[in-house]
Amino acid sequence: MKRQRILVVDDHEVVRLGLRALLERHAGFEVVGEASTADEAVMKTLDWRPNVVVMDIRMPGGSGIDACEQIVAQAPECKVIMLTSYAEDEMLFNAIRAGAAGYVLKQIGGDELVRAIETVGRGESLLDPALTSRVFAQVRKAAVAAEAAAFSELTPQELNVLGGIASGMTNREIAEVLHLSPGTVRNYVSNILSKLDVANRAEAAAYAVENRLSAYLDKSMR
């Protein structure tokens, strides 16, 4: 099996030496070098082309996130594992956006770090188990926001009319449920098609289902 070539990046020499000593005990790893700054990490990655960069997220003169973004852009075959002492949501998601393949807390044990390097070395992604729930919570929050934005231009009554359309109701049936005249419902339908930029009732119904309209409706229209 091919050995993983690793670059260790941290502004504290003691940490770098400790990581090097830990990783070099593993027969499948070769620590090709060390770096103490973000700029040095980028330069040495481009010069030495390691398979994996294990990098502190906070460093003076430039963050590990900035270095990660440059490394992923210029050496996409290299995988970056971000190390941090703090479980901060903003840092976590910035690292993910920067293209980090792994994000682990420094409190993990040596065996866990070895497995993390092996995992990203195979082309997989890895997240510290302590942070998984935060990612799912953020994903759920983003999904809810996206769903709400899908209907942001519609009034509450237009939402109810769209709910009737999605349920296969005719204009007359919608009018009866909402206590409106058929002509008023017809006007609402026209406005809905225009605001959603869809051509007909079928497309409006499909849009409603796709974006989970039912979560925003009165019970009578679900």
N, C-alpha and C. Protein backbone atom coordinates (compact mmCIF):
# COMPACT_ATOMS: atom_id res chain seq x y z
N MET A 1 0.84 -1.20 0.00
CA MET A 1 0.00 0.00 0.00
C MET A 1 0.87 1.24 0.00
N LYS A 2 0.52 2.23 -0.81
CA LYS A 2 1.31 3.45 -0.93
C LYS A 2 1.28 4.25 0.36
N ARG A 3 2.43 4.75 0.79
CA ARG A 3 2.50 5.53 2.03
C ARG A 3 1.89 6.92 1.83
N GLN A 4 1.25 7.41 2.87
CA GLN A 4 0.68 8.75 2.83
C GLN A 4 1.77 9.76 3.17
N ARG A 5 2.00 10.70 2.25
CA ARG A 5 2.97 11.77 2.49
C ARG A 5 2.25 12.93 3.17
N ILE A 6 2.75 13.34 4.33
CA ILE A 6 2.02 14.28 5.19
C ILE A 6 2.85 15.52 5.47
N LEU A 7 2.18 16.68 5.40
CA LEU A 7 2.77 17.95 5.83
C LEU A 7 2.05 18.38 7.10
N VAL A 8 2.84 18.68 8.15
CA VAL A 8 2.29 19.11 9.44
C VAL A 8 2.42 20.62 9.55
N VAL A 9 1.30 21.29 9.84
CA VAL A 9 1.30 22.75 9.90
C VAL A 9 0.72 23.21 11.24
N ASP A 10 1.55 23.92 12.01
CA ASP A 10 1.11 24.50 13.28
C ASP A 10 2.13 25.56 13.68
N ASP A 11 1.68 26.64 14.30
CA ASP A 11 2.61 27.71 14.64
C ASP A 11 3.40 27.40 15.92
N HIS A 12 3.01 26.33 16.62
CA HIS A 12 3.74 25.94 17.84
C HIS A 12 4.67 24.77 17.52
N GLU A 13 5.96 24.98 17.75
CA GLU A 13 6.95 23.96 17.42
C GLU A 13 6.71 22.67 18.21
N VAL A 14 6.34 22.80 19.47
CA VAL A 14 6.12 21.61 20.30
C VAL A 14 5.00 20.76 19.72
N VAL A 15 3.94 21.43 19.22
CA VAL A 15 2.81 20.69 18.63
C VAL A 15 3.27 19.97 17.37
N ARG A 16 4.05 20.68 16.53
CA ARG A 16 4.54 20.05 15.29
C ARG A 16 5.40 18.84 15.59
N LEU A 17 6.29 18.97 16.57
CA LEU A 17 7.16 17.86 16.91
C LEU A 17 6.35 16.68 17.45
N GLY A 18 5.33 16.99 18.25
CA GLY A 18 4.50 15.93 18.79
C GLY A 18 3.73 15.20 17.71
N LEU A 19 3.18 15.95 16.75
CA LEU A 19 2.44 15.34 15.65
C LEU A 19 3.37 14.51 14.77
N ARG A 20 4.55 15.05 14.51
CA ARG A 20 5.51 14.30 13.69
C ARG A 20 5.88 12.99 14.36
N ALA A 21 6.18 13.05 15.66
CA ALA A 21 6.56 11.83 16.38
C ALA A 21 5.42 10.81 16.37
N LEU A 22 4.18 11.30 16.54
CA LEU A 22 3.03 10.40 16.53
C LEU A 22 2.85 9.75 15.16
N LEU A 23 2.89 10.55 14.12
CA LEU A 23 2.59 10.04 12.79
C LEU A 23 3.70 9.15 12.23
N GLU A 24 4.95 9.47 12.57
CA GLU A 24 6.06 8.69 12.03
C GLU A 24 6.15 7.31 12.65
N ARG A 25 5.39 7.05 13.71
CA ARG A 25 5.34 5.70 14.27
C ARG A 25 4.46 4.79 13.42
N HIS A 26 3.69 5.38 12.51
CA HIS A 26 2.79 4.62 11.66
C HIS A 26 3.51 4.25 10.37
N ALA A 27 3.57 2.97 10.08
CA ALA A 27 4.34 2.49 8.93
C ALA A 27 3.82 3.03 7.60
N GLY A 28 2.54 3.39 7.56
CA GLY A 28 1.97 3.86 6.30
C GLY A 28 2.09 5.36 6.08
N PHE A 29 2.75 6.08 7.02
CA PHE A 29 2.86 7.53 6.92
C PHE A 29 4.31 7.97 6.74
N GLU A 30 4.49 9.04 6.01
CA GLU A 30 5.79 9.69 5.90
C GLU A 30 5.57 11.19 6.05
N VAL A 31 6.11 11.77 7.12
CA VAL A 31 5.99 13.22 7.32
C VAL A 31 7.08 13.88 6.47
N VAL A 32 6.66 14.54 5.40
CA VAL A 32 7.63 15.11 4.46
C VAL A 32 8.14 16.46 4.90
N GLY A 33 7.45 17.09 5.87
CA GLY A 33 7.91 18.39 6.32
C GLY A 33 6.95 19.05 7.27
N GLU A 34 7.34 20.24 7.72
CA GLU A 34 6.54 21.03 8.65
C GLU A 34 6.45 22.47 8.15
N ALA A 35 5.42 23.16 8.60
CA ALA A 35 5.27 24.59 8.30
C ALA A 35 4.66 25.26 9.52
N SER A 36 5.01 26.53 9.71
CA SER A 36 4.54 27.24 10.91
C SER A 36 3.58 28.38 10.59
N THR A 37 3.38 28.69 9.31
CA THR A 37 2.47 29.77 8.91
C THR A 37 1.61 29.30 7.74
N ALA A 38 0.54 30.06 7.49
CA ALA A 38 -0.35 29.72 6.38
C ALA A 38 0.38 29.84 5.05
N ASP A 39 1.14 30.91 4.87
CA ASP A 39 1.87 31.11 3.61
C ASP A 39 2.89 29.99 3.38
N GLU A 40 3.58 29.61 4.46
CA GLU A 40 4.57 28.54 4.35
C GLU A 40 3.89 27.22 4.02
N ALA A 41 2.70 27.01 4.57
CA ALA A 41 1.96 25.78 4.29
C ALA A 41 1.62 25.67 2.81
N VAL A 42 1.17 26.77 2.22
CA VAL A 42 0.84 26.76 0.80
C VAL A 42 2.09 26.52 -0.04
N MET A 43 3.16 27.24 0.28
CA MET A 43 4.40 27.12 -0.48
C MET A 43 4.95 25.69 -0.43
N LYS A 44 5.00 25.12 0.77
CA LYS A 44 5.58 23.78 0.91
C LYS A 44 4.67 22.71 0.32
N THR A 45 3.37 22.94 0.35
CA THR A 45 2.46 21.99 -0.30
C THR A 45 2.72 21.96 -1.79
N LEU A 46 2.88 23.12 -2.39
CA LEU A 46 3.12 23.18 -3.84
C LEU A 46 4.50 22.64 -4.20
N ASP A 47 5.46 22.79 -3.29
CA ASP A 47 6.81 22.29 -3.56
C ASP A 47 6.92 20.78 -3.35
N TRP A 48 6.31 20.27 -2.29
CA TRP A 48 6.52 18.88 -1.89
C TRP A 48 5.36 17.96 -2.26
N ARG A 49 4.21 18.52 -2.58
CA ARG A 49 3.04 17.75 -3.01
C ARG A 49 2.71 16.59 -2.06
N PRO A 50 2.45 16.87 -0.80
CA PRO A 50 2.02 15.81 0.12
C PRO A 50 0.62 15.32 -0.26
N ASN A 51 0.27 14.14 0.21
CA ASN A 51 -1.09 13.64 0.01
C ASN A 51 -2.07 14.29 0.97
N VAL A 52 -1.57 14.55 2.20
CA VAL A 52 -2.43 15.09 3.25
C VAL A 52 -1.69 16.21 3.98
N VAL A 53 -2.41 17.31 4.23
CA VAL A 53 -1.90 18.39 5.07
C VAL A 53 -2.71 18.40 6.36
N VAL A 54 -2.02 18.25 7.48
CA VAL A 54 -2.67 18.34 8.80
C VAL A 54 -2.36 19.73 9.34
N MET A 55 -3.38 20.59 9.43
CA MET A 55 -3.12 22.01 9.65
C MET A 55 -3.98 22.62 10.75
N ASP A 56 -3.32 23.39 11.61
CA ASP A 56 -4.03 24.15 12.64
C ASP A 56 -4.91 25.20 11.96
N ILE A 57 -6.09 25.42 12.52
CA ILE A 57 -7.01 26.36 11.88
C ILE A 57 -6.68 27.81 12.21
N ARG A 58 -6.01 28.04 13.35
CA ARG A 58 -5.65 29.40 13.77
C ARG A 58 -4.14 29.56 13.77
N MET A 59 -3.64 30.51 12.98
CA MET A 59 -2.21 30.79 12.95
C MET A 59 -2.00 32.27 12.73
N PRO A 60 -0.93 32.83 13.27
CA PRO A 60 -0.65 34.26 13.05
C PRO A 60 -0.29 34.53 11.60
N GLY A 61 -0.70 35.67 11.10
CA GLY A 61 -0.33 36.07 9.74
C GLY A 61 -1.16 35.44 8.66
N GLY A 62 -2.26 34.77 9.00
CA GLY A 62 -3.10 34.11 8.00
C GLY A 62 -3.68 32.84 8.56
N SER A 63 -4.96 32.64 8.36
CA SER A 63 -5.61 31.48 8.97
C SER A 63 -5.39 30.20 8.16
N GLY A 64 -5.59 29.08 8.84
CA GLY A 64 -5.52 27.80 8.16
C GLY A 64 -6.60 27.67 7.11
N ILE A 65 -7.72 28.34 7.32
CA ILE A 65 -8.81 28.30 6.34
C ILE A 65 -8.38 28.95 5.03
N ASP A 66 -7.71 30.10 5.14
CA ASP A 66 -7.21 30.76 3.93
C ASP A 66 -6.21 29.86 3.20
N ALA A 67 -5.31 29.24 3.96
CA ALA A 67 -4.33 28.35 3.36
C ALA A 67 -5.01 27.14 2.73
N CYS A 68 -6.02 26.61 3.40
CA CYS A 68 -6.76 25.45 2.87
C CYS A 68 -7.38 25.79 1.52
N GLU A 69 -7.99 26.96 1.44
CA GLU A 69 -8.65 27.37 0.19
C GLU A 69 -7.64 27.45 -0.95
N GLN A 70 -6.46 28.00 -0.67
CA GLN A 70 -5.42 28.11 -1.70
C GLN A 70 -4.88 26.73 -2.09
N ILE A 71 -4.69 25.88 -1.10
CA ILE A 71 -4.15 24.54 -1.38
C ILE A 71 -5.13 23.75 -2.24
N VAL A 72 -6.41 23.77 -1.88
CA VAL A 72 -7.42 23.03 -2.64
C VAL A 72 -7.51 23.55 -4.08
N ALA A 73 -7.35 24.87 -4.25
CA ALA A 73 -7.44 25.45 -5.58
C ALA A 73 -6.22 25.12 -6.44
N GLN A 74 -5.03 25.09 -5.81
CA GLN A 74 -3.80 24.92 -6.58
C GLN A 74 -3.26 23.49 -6.58
N ALA A 75 -3.68 22.70 -5.59
CA ALA A 75 -3.23 21.30 -5.53
C ALA A 75 -4.41 20.43 -5.10
N PRO A 76 -5.42 20.30 -5.96
CA PRO A 76 -6.66 19.61 -5.58
C PRO A 76 -6.47 18.14 -5.19
N GLU A 77 -5.36 17.55 -5.58
CA GLU A 77 -5.11 16.16 -5.21
C GLU A 77 -4.71 16.03 -3.75
N CYS A 78 -4.34 17.14 -3.12
CA CYS A 78 -3.93 17.15 -1.72
C CYS A 78 -5.15 17.34 -0.82
N LYS A 79 -5.28 16.54 0.21
CA LYS A 79 -6.40 16.61 1.14
C LYS A 79 -5.98 17.34 2.41
N VAL A 80 -6.83 18.22 2.89
CA VAL A 80 -6.50 19.02 4.08
C VAL A 80 -7.37 18.62 5.25
N ILE A 81 -6.73 18.33 6.38
CA ILE A 81 -7.43 18.09 7.64
C ILE A 81 -7.19 19.31 8.52
N MET A 82 -8.26 19.95 8.95
CA MET A 82 -8.14 21.10 9.83
C MET A 82 -8.18 20.63 11.28
N LEU A 83 -7.23 21.12 12.08
CA LEU A 83 -7.17 20.82 13.50
C LEU A 83 -7.54 22.08 14.28
N THR A 84 -8.35 21.92 15.32
CA THR A 84 -8.71 23.08 16.13
C THR A 84 -8.93 22.66 17.58
N SER A 85 -8.69 23.60 18.47
CA SER A 85 -8.92 23.34 19.89
C SER A 85 -10.34 23.68 20.30
N TYR A 86 -11.07 24.39 19.41
CA TYR A 86 -12.39 24.88 19.77
C TYR A 86 -13.44 24.42 18.76
N ALA A 87 -14.59 24.03 19.27
CA ALA A 87 -15.69 23.60 18.41
C ALA A 87 -16.57 24.80 18.08
N GLU A 88 -16.12 25.61 17.13
CA GLU A 88 -16.84 26.83 16.75
C GLU A 88 -17.58 26.60 15.44
N ASP A 89 -18.87 26.89 15.44
CA ASP A 89 -19.68 26.66 14.24
C ASP A 89 -19.17 27.45 13.04
N GLU A 90 -18.82 28.72 13.26
CA GLU A 90 -18.40 29.56 12.13
C GLU A 90 -17.13 29.00 11.49
N MET A 91 -16.16 28.63 12.32
CA MET A 91 -14.92 28.06 11.81
C MET A 91 -15.19 26.75 11.07
N LEU A 92 -16.06 25.93 11.64
CA LEU A 92 -16.37 24.64 11.02
C LEU A 92 -16.91 24.83 9.61
N PHE A 93 -17.91 25.70 9.46
CA PHE A 93 -18.52 25.85 8.15
C PHE A 93 -17.62 26.63 7.18
N ASN A 94 -16.79 27.51 7.70
CA ASN A 94 -15.82 28.17 6.83
C ASN A 94 -14.82 27.15 6.29
N ALA A 95 -14.42 26.21 7.13
CA ALA A 95 -13.48 25.18 6.69
C ALA A 95 -14.10 24.28 5.63
N ILE A 96 -15.37 23.92 5.83
CA ILE A 96 -16.06 23.09 4.85
C ILE A 96 -16.15 23.82 3.52
N ARG A 97 -16.51 25.11 3.58
CA ARG A 97 -16.61 25.90 2.34
C ARG A 97 -15.25 26.05 1.67
N ALA A 98 -14.18 26.07 2.46
CA ALA A 98 -12.83 26.22 1.90
C ALA A 98 -12.35 24.94 1.23
N GLY A 99 -13.06 23.84 1.46
CA GLY A 99 -12.70 22.59 0.79
C GLY A 99 -11.96 21.59 1.66
N ALA A 100 -11.95 21.81 2.98
CA ALA A 100 -11.27 20.86 3.88
C ALA A 100 -11.93 19.48 3.77
N ALA A 101 -11.10 18.45 3.74
CA ALA A 101 -11.61 17.08 3.66
C ALA A 101 -11.90 16.51 5.04
N GLY A 102 -11.31 17.12 6.08
CA GLY A 102 -11.53 16.65 7.43
C GLY A 102 -11.47 17.80 8.41
N TYR A 103 -12.18 17.65 9.52
CA TYR A 103 -12.20 18.70 10.55
C TYR A 103 -12.27 17.98 11.88
N VAL A 104 -11.18 18.06 12.66
CA VAL A 104 -11.14 17.32 13.92
C VAL A 104 -10.63 18.21 15.04
N LEU A 105 -11.05 17.88 16.25
CA LEU A 105 -10.62 18.60 17.43
C LEU A 105 -9.28 18.05 17.91
N LYS A 106 -8.43 18.95 18.44
CA LYS A 106 -7.11 18.52 18.90
C LYS A 106 -7.19 17.57 20.09
N GLN A 107 -8.37 17.52 20.72
CA GLN A 107 -8.51 16.65 21.88
C GLN A 107 -8.63 15.17 21.50
N ILE A 108 -8.73 14.86 20.21
CA ILE A 108 -8.86 13.45 19.83
C ILE A 108 -7.58 12.70 20.14
N GLY A 109 -7.69 11.39 20.28
CA GLY A 109 -6.52 10.58 20.56
C GLY A 109 -5.69 10.33 19.31
N GLY A 110 -4.50 9.80 19.53
CA GLY A 110 -3.61 9.54 18.41
C GLY A 110 -4.18 8.56 17.41
N ASP A 111 -4.84 7.51 17.89
CA ASP A 111 -5.42 6.52 16.98
C ASP A 111 -6.50 7.14 16.10
N GLU A 112 -7.30 8.05 16.70
CA GLU A 112 -8.36 8.70 15.93
C GLU A 112 -7.76 9.60 14.84
N LEU A 113 -6.66 10.28 15.14
CA LEU A 113 -6.03 11.12 14.13
C LEU A 113 -5.46 10.26 13.00
N VAL A 114 -4.87 9.14 13.35
CA VAL A 114 -4.36 8.22 12.33
C VAL A 114 -5.49 7.77 11.41
N ARG A 115 -6.62 7.40 12.00
CA ARG A 115 -7.76 6.96 11.19
C ARG A 115 -8.29 8.10 10.32
N ALA A 116 -8.25 9.33 10.86
CA ALA A 116 -8.71 10.49 10.08
C ALA A 116 -7.83 10.68 8.85
N ILE A 117 -6.53 10.55 9.02
CA ILE A 117 -5.61 10.71 7.90
C ILE A 117 -5.81 9.58 6.88
N GLU A 118 -5.99 8.37 7.36
CA GLU A 118 -6.24 7.26 6.46
C GLU A 118 -7.54 7.48 5.68
N THR A 119 -8.54 8.00 6.35
CA THR A 119 -9.85 8.22 5.71
C THR A 119 -9.75 9.25 4.60
N VAL A 120 -9.18 10.42 4.87
CA VAL A 120 -9.10 11.45 3.83
C VAL A 120 -8.10 11.05 2.76
N GLY A 121 -7.09 10.25 3.15
CA GLY A 121 -6.14 9.76 2.15
C GLY A 121 -6.77 8.87 1.12
N ARG A 122 -7.89 8.23 1.49
CA ARG A 122 -8.64 7.39 0.53
C ARG A 122 -9.61 8.20 -0.30
N GLY A 123 -9.62 9.51 -0.09
CA GLY A 123 -10.52 10.36 -0.86
C GLY A 123 -11.86 10.58 -0.21
N GLU A 124 -12.02 10.13 1.04
CA GLU A 124 -13.26 10.32 1.77
C GLU A 124 -13.18 11.58 2.63
N SER A 125 -14.32 11.98 3.17
CA SER A 125 -14.37 13.14 4.06
C SER A 125 -14.62 12.66 5.48
N LEU A 126 -14.21 13.50 6.44
CA LEU A 126 -14.35 13.09 7.82
C LEU A 126 -14.64 14.31 8.69
N LEU A 127 -15.55 14.12 9.64
CA LEU A 127 -15.91 15.16 10.59
C LEU A 127 -15.84 14.58 11.99
N ASP A 128 -15.25 15.33 12.91
CA ASP A 128 -15.18 14.87 14.29
C ASP A 128 -16.59 14.56 14.78
N PRO A 129 -16.81 13.39 15.39
CA PRO A 129 -18.16 13.02 15.86
C PRO A 129 -18.79 14.07 16.76
N ALA A 130 -17.97 14.79 17.52
CA ALA A 130 -18.50 15.80 18.43
C ALA A 130 -19.15 16.96 17.69
N LEU A 131 -18.87 17.09 16.39
CA LEU A 131 -19.39 18.21 15.61
C LEU A 131 -20.49 17.81 14.65
N THR A 132 -20.76 16.53 14.53
CA THR A 132 -21.74 16.06 13.54
C THR A 132 -23.12 16.67 13.76
N SER A 133 -23.57 16.70 15.01
CA SER A 133 -24.90 17.23 15.30
C SER A 133 -25.02 18.69 14.88
N ARG A 134 -23.93 19.44 15.00
CA ARG A 134 -23.95 20.86 14.60
C ARG A 134 -24.14 21.00 13.10
N VAL A 135 -23.49 20.13 12.35
CA VAL A 135 -23.63 20.18 10.89
C VAL A 135 -25.07 19.88 10.49
N PHE A 136 -25.63 18.82 11.06
CA PHE A 136 -27.01 18.47 10.71
C PHE A 136 -27.98 19.58 11.10
N ALA A 137 -27.75 20.20 12.26
CA ALA A 137 -28.62 21.30 12.69
C ALA A 137 -28.55 22.46 11.70
N GLN A 138 -27.35 22.77 11.22
CA GLN A 138 -27.18 23.86 10.27
C GLN A 138 -27.81 23.52 8.93
N VAL A 139 -27.67 22.26 8.52
CA VAL A 139 -28.28 21.83 7.26
C VAL A 139 -29.80 21.94 7.33
N ARG A 140 -30.35 21.49 8.47
CA ARG A 140 -31.80 21.59 8.64
C ARG A 140 -32.26 23.05 8.63
N LYS A 141 -31.51 23.90 9.29
CA LYS A 141 -31.84 25.33 9.34
C LYS A 141 -31.81 25.93 7.93
N ALA A 142 -30.79 25.57 7.16
CA ALA A 142 -30.68 26.08 5.79
C ALA A 142 -31.82 25.57 4.92
N ALA A 143 -32.21 24.30 5.13
CA ALA A 143 -33.31 23.73 4.34
C ALA A 143 -34.62 24.43 4.63
N VAL A 144 -34.88 24.71 5.92
CA VAL A 144 -36.11 25.42 6.29
C VAL A 144 -36.12 26.82 5.69
N ALA A 145 -34.97 27.49 5.74
CA ALA A 145 -34.89 28.84 5.18
C ALA A 145 -35.13 28.83 3.68
N ALA A 146 -34.57 27.81 2.99
CA ALA A 146 -34.76 27.71 1.54
C ALA A 146 -36.22 27.45 1.19
N GLU A 147 -36.86 26.59 1.99
CA GLU A 147 -38.28 26.31 1.74
C GLU A 147 -39.13 27.55 1.93
N ALA A 148 -38.85 28.30 3.00
CA ALA A 148 -39.62 29.52 3.26
C ALA A 148 -39.40 30.55 2.16
N ALA A 149 -38.16 30.65 1.68
CA ALA A 149 -37.85 31.62 0.63
C ALA A 149 -38.58 31.29 -0.67
N ALA A 150 -38.88 30.01 -0.87
CA ALA A 150 -39.55 29.60 -2.11
C ALA A 150 -40.93 30.23 -2.24
N PHE A 151 -41.54 30.60 -1.12
CA PHE A 151 -42.89 31.18 -1.15
C PHE A 151 -42.92 32.60 -0.59
N SER A 152 -41.76 33.25 -0.52
CA SER A 152 -41.67 34.54 0.14
C SER A 152 -42.50 35.64 -0.54
N GLU A 153 -42.77 35.50 -1.83
CA GLU A 153 -43.52 36.53 -2.54
C GLU A 153 -45.03 36.33 -2.45
N LEU A 154 -45.47 35.21 -1.92
CA LEU A 154 -46.90 34.93 -1.86
C LEU A 154 -47.50 35.42 -0.54
N THR A 155 -48.71 35.94 -0.61
CA THR A 155 -49.44 36.34 0.59
C THR A 155 -49.99 35.09 1.27
N PRO A 156 -50.40 35.18 2.54
CA PRO A 156 -50.99 34.01 3.21
C PRO A 156 -52.17 33.42 2.44
N GLN A 157 -53.02 34.27 1.88
CA GLN A 157 -54.16 33.75 1.14
C GLN A 157 -53.73 33.07 -0.15
N GLU A 158 -52.71 33.62 -0.81
CA GLU A 158 -52.19 32.98 -2.02
C GLU A 158 -51.58 31.62 -1.69
N LEU A 159 -50.96 31.51 -0.53
CA LEU A 159 -50.43 30.22 -0.10
C LEU A 159 -51.55 29.20 0.04
N ASN A 160 -52.67 29.63 0.62
CA ASN A 160 -53.80 28.72 0.77
C ASN A 160 -54.39 28.31 -0.58
N VAL A 161 -54.46 29.26 -1.49
CA VAL A 161 -54.95 28.93 -2.84
C VAL A 161 -54.00 27.96 -3.52
N LEU A 162 -52.71 28.19 -3.37
CA LEU A 162 -51.73 27.27 -3.96
C LEU A 162 -51.85 25.88 -3.33
N GLY A 163 -52.16 25.85 -2.03
CA GLY A 163 -52.37 24.56 -1.39
C GLY A 163 -53.54 23.81 -2.00
N GLY A 164 -54.60 24.55 -2.35
CA GLY A 164 -55.73 23.92 -3.01
C GLY A 164 -55.37 23.40 -4.38
N ILE A 165 -54.58 24.18 -5.11
CA ILE A 165 -54.11 23.74 -6.43
C ILE A 165 -53.29 22.46 -6.29
N ALA A 166 -52.38 22.43 -5.30
CA ALA A 166 -51.54 21.26 -5.10
C ALA A 166 -52.36 20.04 -4.72
N SER A 167 -53.53 20.26 -4.10
CA SER A 167 -54.39 19.15 -3.70
C SER A 167 -55.32 18.70 -4.82
N GLY A 168 -55.22 19.38 -5.99
CA GLY A 168 -56.05 19.00 -7.13
C GLY A 168 -57.44 19.61 -7.11
N MET A 169 -57.66 20.61 -6.30
CA MET A 169 -58.98 21.23 -6.20
C MET A 169 -59.22 22.19 -7.36
N THR A 170 -60.46 22.34 -7.76
CA THR A 170 -60.84 23.32 -8.77
C THR A 170 -60.96 24.69 -8.12
N ASN A 171 -61.07 25.72 -8.97
CA ASN A 171 -61.24 27.06 -8.42
C ASN A 171 -62.50 27.16 -7.57
N ARG A 172 -63.58 26.51 -8.00
CA ARG A 172 -64.83 26.56 -7.25
C ARG A 172 -64.68 25.87 -5.89
N GLU A 173 -63.98 24.74 -5.87
CA GLU A 173 -63.78 24.04 -4.61
C GLU A 173 -62.92 24.86 -3.66
N ILE A 174 -61.88 25.50 -4.20
CA ILE A 174 -61.03 26.36 -3.38
C ILE A 174 -61.85 27.52 -2.83
N ALA A 175 -62.71 28.09 -3.67
CA ALA A 175 -63.54 29.22 -3.26
C ALA A 175 -64.45 28.82 -2.10
N GLU A 176 -65.00 27.64 -2.17
CA GLU A 176 -65.90 27.19 -1.10
C GLU A 176 -65.16 27.03 0.23
N VAL A 177 -63.98 26.45 0.17
CA VAL A 177 -63.21 26.22 1.40
C VAL A 177 -62.75 27.54 2.02
N LEU A 178 -62.34 28.48 1.16
CA LEU A 178 -61.79 29.75 1.66
C LEU A 178 -62.84 30.85 1.78
N HIS A 179 -64.08 30.52 1.41
CA HIS A 179 -65.18 31.49 1.47
C HIS A 179 -64.89 32.72 0.61
N LEU A 180 -64.49 32.43 -0.62
CA LEU A 180 -64.21 33.46 -1.62
C LEU A 180 -65.08 33.21 -2.84
N SER A 181 -65.13 34.20 -3.72
CA SER A 181 -65.84 33.99 -4.98
C SER A 181 -64.89 33.31 -5.96
N PRO A 182 -65.46 32.53 -6.91
CA PRO A 182 -64.60 31.89 -7.92
C PRO A 182 -63.76 32.90 -8.68
N GLY A 183 -64.32 34.08 -8.94
CA GLY A 183 -63.55 35.10 -9.67
C GLY A 183 -62.34 35.56 -8.88
N THR A 184 -62.51 35.70 -7.57
CA THR A 184 -61.39 36.11 -6.71
C THR A 184 -60.31 35.04 -6.71
N VAL A 185 -60.73 33.78 -6.64
CA VAL A 185 -59.77 32.68 -6.67
C VAL A 185 -59.03 32.67 -8.00
N ARG A 186 -59.76 32.93 -9.08
CA ARG A 186 -59.14 32.96 -10.41
C ARG A 186 -58.05 34.03 -10.46
N ASN A 187 -58.31 35.17 -9.85
CA ASN A 187 -57.30 36.24 -9.81
C ASN A 187 -56.09 35.82 -8.98
N TYR A 188 -56.38 35.15 -7.86
CA TYR A 188 -55.28 34.65 -7.04
C TYR A 188 -54.41 33.67 -7.82
N VAL A 189 -55.04 32.78 -8.55
CA VAL A 189 -54.30 31.78 -9.33
C VAL A 189 -53.40 32.47 -10.35
N SER A 190 -53.93 33.49 -11.01
CA SER A 190 -53.15 34.22 -12.00
C SER A 190 -51.92 34.87 -11.35
N ASN A 191 -52.14 35.46 -10.17
CA ASN A 191 -51.02 36.10 -9.46
C ASN A 191 -49.98 35.07 -9.04
N ILE A 192 -50.46 33.92 -8.59
CA ILE A 192 -49.54 32.86 -8.15
C ILE A 192 -48.67 32.37 -9.30
N LEU A 193 -49.27 32.11 -10.44
CA LEU A 193 -48.50 31.65 -11.60
C LEU A 193 -47.44 32.66 -11.99
N SER A 194 -47.81 33.95 -11.91
CA SER A 194 -46.87 35.01 -12.28
C SER A 194 -45.72 35.09 -11.27
N LYS A 195 -46.04 35.07 -9.98
CA LYS A 195 -45.02 35.20 -8.95
C LYS A 195 -44.06 34.01 -8.92
N LEU A 196 -44.59 32.82 -9.17
CA LEU A 196 -43.74 31.62 -9.15
C LEU A 196 -43.06 31.37 -10.50
N ASP A 197 -43.44 32.17 -11.49
CA ASP A 197 -42.88 32.04 -12.84
C ASP A 197 -43.09 30.63 -13.39
N VAL A 198 -44.32 30.15 -13.27
CA VAL A 198 -44.69 28.85 -13.83
C VAL A 198 -45.80 29.05 -14.85
N ALA A 199 -45.94 28.09 -15.75
CA ALA A 199 -46.84 28.28 -16.89
C ALA A 199 -48.28 27.89 -16.61
N ASN A 200 -48.50 26.94 -15.69
CA ASN A 200 -49.86 26.45 -15.49
C ASN A 200 -50.03 25.87 -14.09
N ARG A 201 -51.25 25.39 -13.82
CA ARG A 201 -51.56 24.86 -12.50
C ARG A 201 -50.72 23.63 -12.16
N ALA A 202 -50.46 22.80 -13.17
CA ALA A 202 -49.68 21.59 -12.92
C ALA A 202 -48.27 21.93 -12.45
N GLU A 203 -47.67 22.91 -13.10
CA GLU A 203 -46.32 23.32 -12.70
C GLU A 203 -46.35 23.96 -11.31
N ALA A 204 -47.40 24.72 -11.03
CA ALA A 204 -47.54 25.33 -9.71
C ALA A 204 -47.67 24.26 -8.63
N ALA A 205 -48.45 23.22 -8.92
CA ALA A 205 -48.63 22.13 -7.97
C ALA A 205 -47.31 21.39 -7.73
N ALA A 206 -46.56 21.15 -8.79
CA ALA A 206 -45.28 20.46 -8.66
C ALA A 206 -44.30 21.30 -7.83
N TYR A 207 -44.31 22.61 -8.06
CA TYR A 207 -43.44 23.52 -7.30
C TYR A 207 -43.80 23.47 -5.82
N ALA A 208 -45.10 23.46 -5.53
CA ALA A 208 -45.57 23.44 -4.15
C ALA A 208 -45.12 22.17 -3.43
N VAL A 209 -45.25 21.04 -4.09
CA VAL A 209 -44.86 19.77 -3.49
C VAL A 209 -43.35 19.71 -3.28
N GLU A 210 -42.60 20.14 -4.28
CA GLU A 210 -41.14 20.09 -4.22
C GLU A 210 -40.61 20.92 -3.06
N ASN A 211 -41.26 22.03 -2.76
CA ASN A 211 -40.79 22.94 -1.71
C ASN A 211 -41.57 22.80 -0.40
N ARG A 212 -42.29 21.70 -0.25
CA ARG A 212 -42.98 21.35 0.98
C ARG A 212 -43.91 22.47 1.46
N LEU A 213 -44.80 22.87 0.57
CA LEU A 213 -45.76 23.92 0.90
C LEU A 213 -46.63 23.56 2.11
N SER A 214 -46.92 22.28 2.29
CA SER A 214 -47.86 21.86 3.32
C SER A 214 -47.46 22.36 4.72
N ALA A 215 -46.17 22.58 4.93
CA ALA A 215 -45.70 23.04 6.24
C ALA A 215 -46.14 24.46 6.55
N TYR A 216 -46.58 25.21 5.52
CA TYR A 216 -46.91 26.62 5.72
C TYR A 216 -48.41 26.89 5.56
N LEU A 217 -49.22 25.85 5.45
CA LEU A 217 -50.64 26.02 5.16
C LEU A 217 -51.52 25.91 6.39
N ASP A 218 -52.70 26.54 6.30
CA ASP A 218 -53.74 26.29 7.27
C ASP A 218 -54.17 24.83 7.15
N LYS A 219 -54.64 24.24 8.23
CA LYS A 219 -55.02 22.81 8.21
C LYS A 219 -56.07 22.51 7.16
N SER A 220 -56.95 23.46 6.90
CA SER A 220 -58.03 23.21 5.95
C SER A 220 -57.56 23.02 4.53
N MET A 221 -56.34 23.48 4.23
CA MET A 221 -55.84 23.41 2.86
C MET A 221 -54.74 22.38 2.69
N ARG A 222 -54.43 21.61 3.71
CA ARG A 222 -53.36 20.61 3.58
C ARG A 222 -53.88 19.34 2.92
